[in-house]
């Protein structure tokens, strides 16, 4: 008899919880002053998101084809201590650079027990820098400085090529 009573209380509790959840889900969400209202366009929404984000963080930019993309992101896909040291040094140098600081870049690593680590820096499907890094952490800072210069030159070359080439049949990721 006691277990039937507990079962009944459990069912009543669940039904009250479900009723409350459904009622809360049907209530309209109060909008914040910084967020755009329903009738505003996409650019106003992007401006509102950028207003909420920190000034040194990533920025949302509007595409010419109607979408929006996040820029100024540096993704860490390193595994080893040497790779993490390289990423830290590269990110500190790269974020001061306006060309690299506005790009979405991934630093990837493939560790190898015999030869150290393979590191490469990519933007989308384009590889801008690749190196073999030994396990010595002191070498990572020097290689990161070289990587910033090489990536900056490659990004500049890619931006110039994209500005001078206009083929409406190809997307921006296909212009390599």
C-alpha atoms as a PDB file:
ATOM      1  CA  UNK A   1       0.000   0.000   0.000  1.00  0.00           C
ATOM      2  CA  UNK A   2       2.872   2.348   0.813  1.00  0.00           C
ATOM      3  CA  UNK A   3       4.523   1.793  -2.597  1.00  0.00           C
ATOM      4  CA  UNK A   4       1.248   2.611  -4.404  1.00  0.00           C
ATOM      5  CA  UNK A   5       1.045   5.838  -2.399  1.00  0.00           C
ATOM      6  CA  UNK A   6       4.650   6.758  -3.400  1.00  0.00           C
ATOM      7  CA  UNK A   7       3.902   5.940  -7.040  1.00  0.00           C
ATOM      8  CA  UNK A   8       0.819   8.174  -6.931  1.00  0.00           C
ATOM      9  CA  UNK A   9       2.834  11.054  -5.430  1.00  0.00           C
ATOM     10  CA  UNK A  10       5.511  10.579  -8.104  1.00  0.00           C
ATOM     11  CA  UNK A  11       2.943  10.706 -10.911  1.00  0.00           C
ATOM     12  CA  UNK A  12       1.326  13.832  -9.454  1.00  0.00           C
ATOM     13  CA  UNK A  13       4.740  15.493  -9.105  1.00  0.00           C
ATOM     14  CA  UNK A  14       5.657  14.707 -12.714  1.00  0.00           C
ATOM     15  CA  UNK A  15       2.320  15.972 -14.024  1.00  0.00           C
ATOM     16  CA  UNK A  16       2.692  19.243 -12.074  1.00  0.00           C
ATOM     17  CA  UNK A  17       6.233  19.644 -13.411  1.00  0.00           C
ATOM     18  CA  UNK A  18       5.090  18.999 -17.003  1.00  0.00           C
ATOM     19  CA  UNK A  19       2.179  21.438 -16.689  1.00  0.00           C
ATOM     20  CA  UNK A  20       4.513  24.129 -15.328  1.00  0.00           C
ATOM     21  CA  UNK A  21       7.089  23.483 -18.061  1.00  0.00           C
ATOM     22  CA  UNK A  22       4.494  23.714 -20.825  1.00  0.00           C
ATOM     23  CA  UNK A  23       3.056  26.923 -19.348  1.00  0.00           C
ATOM     24  CA  UNK A  24       6.514  28.483 -19.133  1.00  0.00           C
ATOM     25  CA  UNK A  25       7.344  27.444 -22.691  1.00  0.00           C
ATOM     26  CA  UNK A  26       4.228  29.193 -24.024  1.00  0.00           C
ATOM     27  CA  UNK A  27       5.029  32.503 -22.314  1.00  0.00           C
ATOM     28  CA  UNK A  28       6.745  35.095 -24.541  1.00  0.00           C
ATOM     29  CA  UNK A  29      10.393  35.743 -23.789  1.00  0.00           C
ATOM     30  CA  UNK A  30      11.175  39.254 -22.636  1.00  0.00           C
ATOM     31  CA  UNK A  31      13.577  40.905 -25.069  1.00  0.00           C
ATOM     32  CA  UNK A  32      16.681  42.724 -23.940  1.00  0.00           C
ATOM     33  CA  UNK A  33      17.264  46.301 -25.135  1.00  0.00           C
ATOM     34  CA  UNK A  34      20.519  45.271 -26.830  1.00  0.00           C
ATOM     35  CA  UNK A  35      18.850  42.530 -28.894  1.00  0.00           C
ATOM     36  CA  UNK A  36      16.977  43.427 -32.082  1.00  0.00           C
ATOM     37  CA  UNK A  37      13.175  43.289 -32.297  1.00  0.00           C
ATOM     38  CA  UNK A  38      11.379  41.025 -34.747  1.00  0.00           C
ATOM     39  CA  UNK A  39      11.071  43.652 -37.490  1.00  0.00           C
ATOM     40  CA  UNK A  40      14.751  44.626 -37.653  1.00  0.00           C
ATOM     41  CA  UNK A  41      17.042  43.481 -40.437  1.00  0.00           C
ATOM     42  CA  UNK A  42      20.105  41.253 -40.288  1.00  0.00           C
ATOM     43  CA  UNK A  43      22.655  44.087 -40.128  1.00  0.00           C
ATOM     44  CA  UNK A  44      21.000  45.498 -37.004  1.00  0.00           C
ATOM     45  CA  UNK A  45      21.147  42.023 -35.447  1.00  0.00           C
ATOM     46  CA  UNK A  46      24.868  41.774 -36.244  1.00  0.00           C
ATOM     47  CA  UNK A  47      25.456  45.222 -34.752  1.00  0.00           C
ATOM     48  CA  UNK A  48      23.608  44.154 -31.593  1.00  0.00           C
ATOM     49  CA  UNK A  49      25.729  41.006 -31.251  1.00  0.00           C
ATOM     50  CA  UNK A  50      28.932  43.000 -31.738  1.00  0.00           C
ATOM     51  CA  UNK A  51      27.739  45.525 -29.155  1.00  0.00           C
ATOM     52  CA  UNK A  52      27.322  42.717 -26.606  1.00  0.00           C
ATOM     53  CA  UNK A  53      30.723  41.129 -27.312  1.00  0.00           C
ATOM     54  CA  UNK A  54      34.014  42.376 -25.939  1.00  0.00           C
ATOM     55  CA  UNK A  55      36.032  44.802 -28.094  1.00  0.00           C
ATOM     56  CA  UNK A  56      39.032  42.477 -28.332  1.00  0.00           C
ATOM     57  CA  UNK A  57      36.996  39.332 -29.009  1.00  0.00           C
ATOM     58  CA  UNK A  58      35.617  37.865 -32.234  1.00  0.00           C
ATOM     59  CA  UNK A  59      33.392  39.949 -34.470  1.00  0.00           C
ATOM     60  CA  UNK A  60      30.437  38.963 -36.639  1.00  0.00           C
ATOM     61  CA  UNK A  61      30.645  40.297 -40.176  1.00  0.00           C
ATOM     62  CA  UNK A  62      27.883  40.319 -42.799  1.00  0.00           C
ATOM     63  CA  UNK A  63      28.578  38.428 -46.018  1.00  0.00           C
ATOM     64  CA  UNK A  64      27.705  39.908 -49.367  1.00  0.00           C
ATOM     65  CA  UNK A  65      25.598  36.829 -50.131  1.00  0.00           C
ATOM     66  CA  UNK A  66      23.235  37.361 -47.192  1.00  0.00           C
ATOM     67  CA  UNK A  67      24.829  35.235 -44.442  1.00  0.00           C
ATOM     68  CA  UNK A  68      27.101  36.238 -41.615  1.00  0.00           C
ATOM     69  CA  UNK A  69      30.389  34.834 -40.398  1.00  0.00           C
ATOM     70  CA  UNK A  70      32.456  34.983 -37.250  1.00  0.00           C
ATOM     71  CA  UNK A  71      35.955  36.446 -37.645  1.00  0.00           C
ATOM     72  CA  UNK A  72      38.920  36.953 -35.362  1.00  0.00           C
ATOM     73  CA  UNK A  73      38.883  33.414 -33.988  1.00  0.00           C
ATOM     74  CA  UNK A  74      42.023  31.393 -33.313  1.00  0.00           C
ATOM     75  CA  UNK A  75      41.250  27.711 -32.647  1.00  0.00           C
ATOM     76  CA  UNK A  76      43.659  25.569 -30.620  1.00  0.00           C
ATOM     77  CA  UNK A  77      43.851  21.949 -31.809  1.00  0.00           C
ATOM     78  CA  UNK A  78      47.229  21.200 -30.251  1.00  0.00           C
ATOM     79  CA  UNK A  79      47.888  18.269 -27.923  1.00  0.00           C
ATOM     80  CA  UNK A  80      51.439  18.280 -26.543  1.00  0.00           C
ATOM     81  CA  UNK A  81      53.170  20.770 -24.272  1.00  0.00           C
ATOM     82  CA  UNK A  82      55.357  21.948 -27.157  1.00  0.00           C
ATOM     83  CA  UNK A  83      52.243  22.415 -29.301  1.00  0.00           C
ATOM     84  CA  UNK A  84      50.476  24.371 -26.558  1.00  0.00           C
ATOM     85  CA  UNK A  85      53.564  26.565 -26.125  1.00  0.00           C
ATOM     86  CA  UNK A  86      53.653  27.190 -29.877  1.00  0.00           C
ATOM     87  CA  UNK A  87      49.948  28.073 -29.900  1.00  0.00           C
ATOM     88  CA  UNK A  88      50.318  30.448 -26.951  1.00  0.00           C
ATOM     89  CA  UNK A  89      53.264  32.266 -28.551  1.00  0.00           C
ATOM     90  CA  UNK A  90      51.594  32.336 -31.986  1.00  0.00           C
ATOM     91  CA  UNK A  91      48.305  33.667 -30.595  1.00  0.00           C
ATOM     92  CA  UNK A  92      50.019  36.442 -28.641  1.00  0.00           C
ATOM     93  CA  UNK A  93      51.911  37.582 -31.720  1.00  0.00           C
ATOM     94  CA  UNK A  94      49.059  37.020 -34.175  1.00  0.00           C
ATOM     95  CA  UNK A  95      46.318  38.874 -32.342  1.00  0.00           C
ATOM     96  CA  UNK A  96      48.380  42.071 -32.446  1.00  0.00           C
ATOM     97  CA  UNK A  97      48.495  41.737 -36.230  1.00  0.00           C
ATOM     98  CA  UNK A  98      45.334  43.237 -37.815  1.00  0.00           C
ATOM     99  CA  UNK A  99      45.413  40.916 -40.832  1.00  0.00           C
ATOM    100  CA  UNK A 100      45.725  37.701 -38.804  1.00  0.00           C
ATOM    101  CA  UNK A 101      43.569  39.037 -35.957  1.00  0.00           C
ATOM    102  CA  UNK A 102      40.556  39.330 -38.282  1.00  0.00           C
ATOM    103  CA  UNK A 103      40.932  35.845 -39.787  1.00  0.00           C
ATOM    104  CA  UNK A 104      39.495  32.575 -38.535  1.00  0.00           C
ATOM    105  CA  UNK A 105      42.574  30.389 -38.099  1.00  0.00           C
ATOM    106  CA  UNK A 106      43.092  26.881 -36.730  1.00  0.00           C
ATOM    107  CA  UNK A 107      46.399  25.664 -35.283  1.00  0.00           C
ATOM    108  CA  UNK A 108      46.494  21.866 -35.550  1.00  0.00           C
ATOM    109  CA  UNK A 109      49.016  19.341 -34.286  1.00  0.00           C
ATOM    110  CA  UNK A 110      49.791  15.695 -34.970  1.00  0.00           C
ATOM    111  CA  UNK A 111      52.237  14.366 -32.361  1.00  0.00           C
ATOM    112  CA  UNK A 112      54.844  11.785 -33.330  1.00  0.00           C
ATOM    113  CA  UNK A 113      56.902   9.938 -30.715  1.00  0.00           C
ATOM    114  CA  UNK A 114      59.943   9.701 -32.955  1.00  0.00           C
ATOM    115  CA  UNK A 115      60.065  13.035 -34.801  1.00  0.00           C
ATOM    116  CA  UNK A 116      58.257  15.461 -32.496  1.00  0.00           C
ATOM    117  CA  UNK A 117      55.043  17.074 -33.698  1.00  0.00           C
ATOM    118  CA  UNK A 118      53.711  18.189 -37.044  1.00  0.00           C
ATOM    119  CA  UNK A 119      52.047  21.593 -36.726  1.00  0.00           C
ATOM    120  CA  UNK A 120      50.043  23.361 -39.364  1.00  0.00           C
ATOM    121  CA  UNK A 121      48.036  26.573 -39.526  1.00  0.00           C
ATOM    122  CA  UNK A 122      44.898  26.685 -41.645  1.00  0.00           C
ATOM    123  CA  UNK A 123      42.085  29.036 -42.557  1.00  0.00           C
ATOM    124  CA  UNK A 124      39.140  27.024 -43.784  1.00  0.00           C
ATOM    125  CA  UNK A 125      40.603  24.472 -46.188  1.00  0.00           C
ATOM    126  CA  UNK A 126      43.759  26.503 -46.982  1.00  0.00           C
ATOM    127  CA  UNK A 127      47.021  25.580 -45.268  1.00  0.00           C
ATOM    128  CA  UNK A 128      49.292  28.597 -44.741  1.00  0.00           C
ATOM    129  CA  UNK A 129      52.060  27.151 -42.585  1.00  0.00           C
ATOM    130  CA  UNK A 130      53.407  23.685 -41.763  1.00  0.00           C
ATOM    131  CA  UNK A 131      56.392  22.619 -39.705  1.00  0.00           C
ATOM    132  CA  UNK A 132      57.955  19.780 -37.762  1.00  0.00           C
ATOM    133  CA  UNK A 133      58.381  20.862 -34.126  1.00  0.00           C
ATOM    134  CA  UNK A 134      60.787  19.085 -31.793  1.00  0.00           C
ATOM    135  CA  UNK A 135      59.726  18.380 -28.189  1.00  0.00           C
ATOM    136  CA  UNK A 136      62.023  21.214 -26.971  1.00  0.00           C
ATOM    137  CA  UNK A 137      59.723  23.964 -25.749  1.00  0.00           C
ATOM    138  CA  UNK A 138      62.328  26.704 -26.288  1.00  0.00           C
ATOM    139  CA  UNK A 139      62.142  26.167 -30.044  1.00  0.00           C
ATOM    140  CA  UNK A 140      58.367  26.791 -30.113  1.00  0.00           C
ATOM    141  CA  UNK A 141      58.668  30.557 -29.502  1.00  0.00           C
ATOM    142  CA  UNK A 142      61.107  31.054 -32.383  1.00  0.00           C
ATOM    143  CA  UNK A 143      59.004  28.957 -34.760  1.00  0.00           C
ATOM    144  CA  UNK A 144      55.863  30.877 -33.734  1.00  0.00           C
ATOM    145  CA  UNK A 145      57.501  34.178 -34.717  1.00  0.00           C
ATOM    146  CA  UNK A 146      58.390  32.755 -38.123  1.00  0.00           C
ATOM    147  CA  UNK A 147      54.871  31.360 -38.490  1.00  0.00           C
ATOM    148  CA  UNK A 148      53.263  34.763 -37.884  1.00  0.00           C
ATOM    149  CA  UNK A 149      55.328  36.322 -40.692  1.00  0.00           C
ATOM    150  CA  UNK A 150      54.596  33.488 -43.123  1.00  0.00           C
ATOM    151  CA  UNK A 151      50.858  33.409 -42.331  1.00  0.00           C
ATOM    152  CA  UNK A 152      50.623  37.194 -42.646  1.00  0.00           C
ATOM    153  CA  UNK A 153      52.258  37.113 -46.087  1.00  0.00           C
ATOM    154  CA  UNK A 154      50.032  34.218 -47.205  1.00  0.00           C
ATOM    155  CA  UNK A 155      46.871  35.954 -45.982  1.00  0.00           C
ATOM    156  CA  UNK A 156      47.869  39.173 -47.718  1.00  0.00           C
ATOM    157  CA  UNK A 157      48.576  37.300 -50.952  1.00  0.00           C
ATOM    158  CA  UNK A 158      45.251  35.447 -50.696  1.00  0.00           C
ATOM    159  CA  UNK A 159      43.297  38.683 -50.036  1.00  0.00           C
ATOM    160  CA  UNK A 160      44.985  40.395 -53.001  1.00  0.00           C
ATOM    161  CA  UNK A 161      44.233  37.456 -55.279  1.00  0.00           C
ATOM    162  CA  UNK A 162      40.608  37.369 -54.128  1.00  0.00           C
ATOM    163  CA  UNK A 163      40.234  41.121 -54.698  1.00  0.00           C
ATOM    164  CA  UNK A 164      41.679  40.960 -58.211  1.00  0.00           C
ATOM    165  CA  UNK A 165      39.802  37.819 -59.246  1.00  0.00           C
ATOM    166  CA  UNK A 166      36.046  37.858 -59.579  1.00  0.00           C
ATOM    167  CA  UNK A 167      34.449  34.698 -60.894  1.00  0.00           C
ATOM    168  CA  UNK A 168      30.749  34.516 -60.087  1.00  0.00           C
ATOM    169  CA  UNK A 169      30.679  30.751 -60.729  1.00  0.00           C
ATOM    170  CA  UNK A 170      33.067  29.873 -57.897  1.00  0.00           C
ATOM    171  CA  UNK A 171      32.648  30.330 -54.163  1.00  0.00           C
ATOM    172  CA  UNK A 172      35.351  32.027 -52.113  1.00  0.00           C
ATOM    173  CA  UNK A 173      36.676  28.703 -50.836  1.00  0.00           C
ATOM    174  CA  UNK A 174      37.182  27.484 -54.415  1.00  0.00           C
ATOM    175  CA  UNK A 175      39.415  30.352 -55.516  1.00  0.00           C
ATOM    176  CA  UNK A 176      42.764  28.753 -54.711  1.00  0.00           C
END
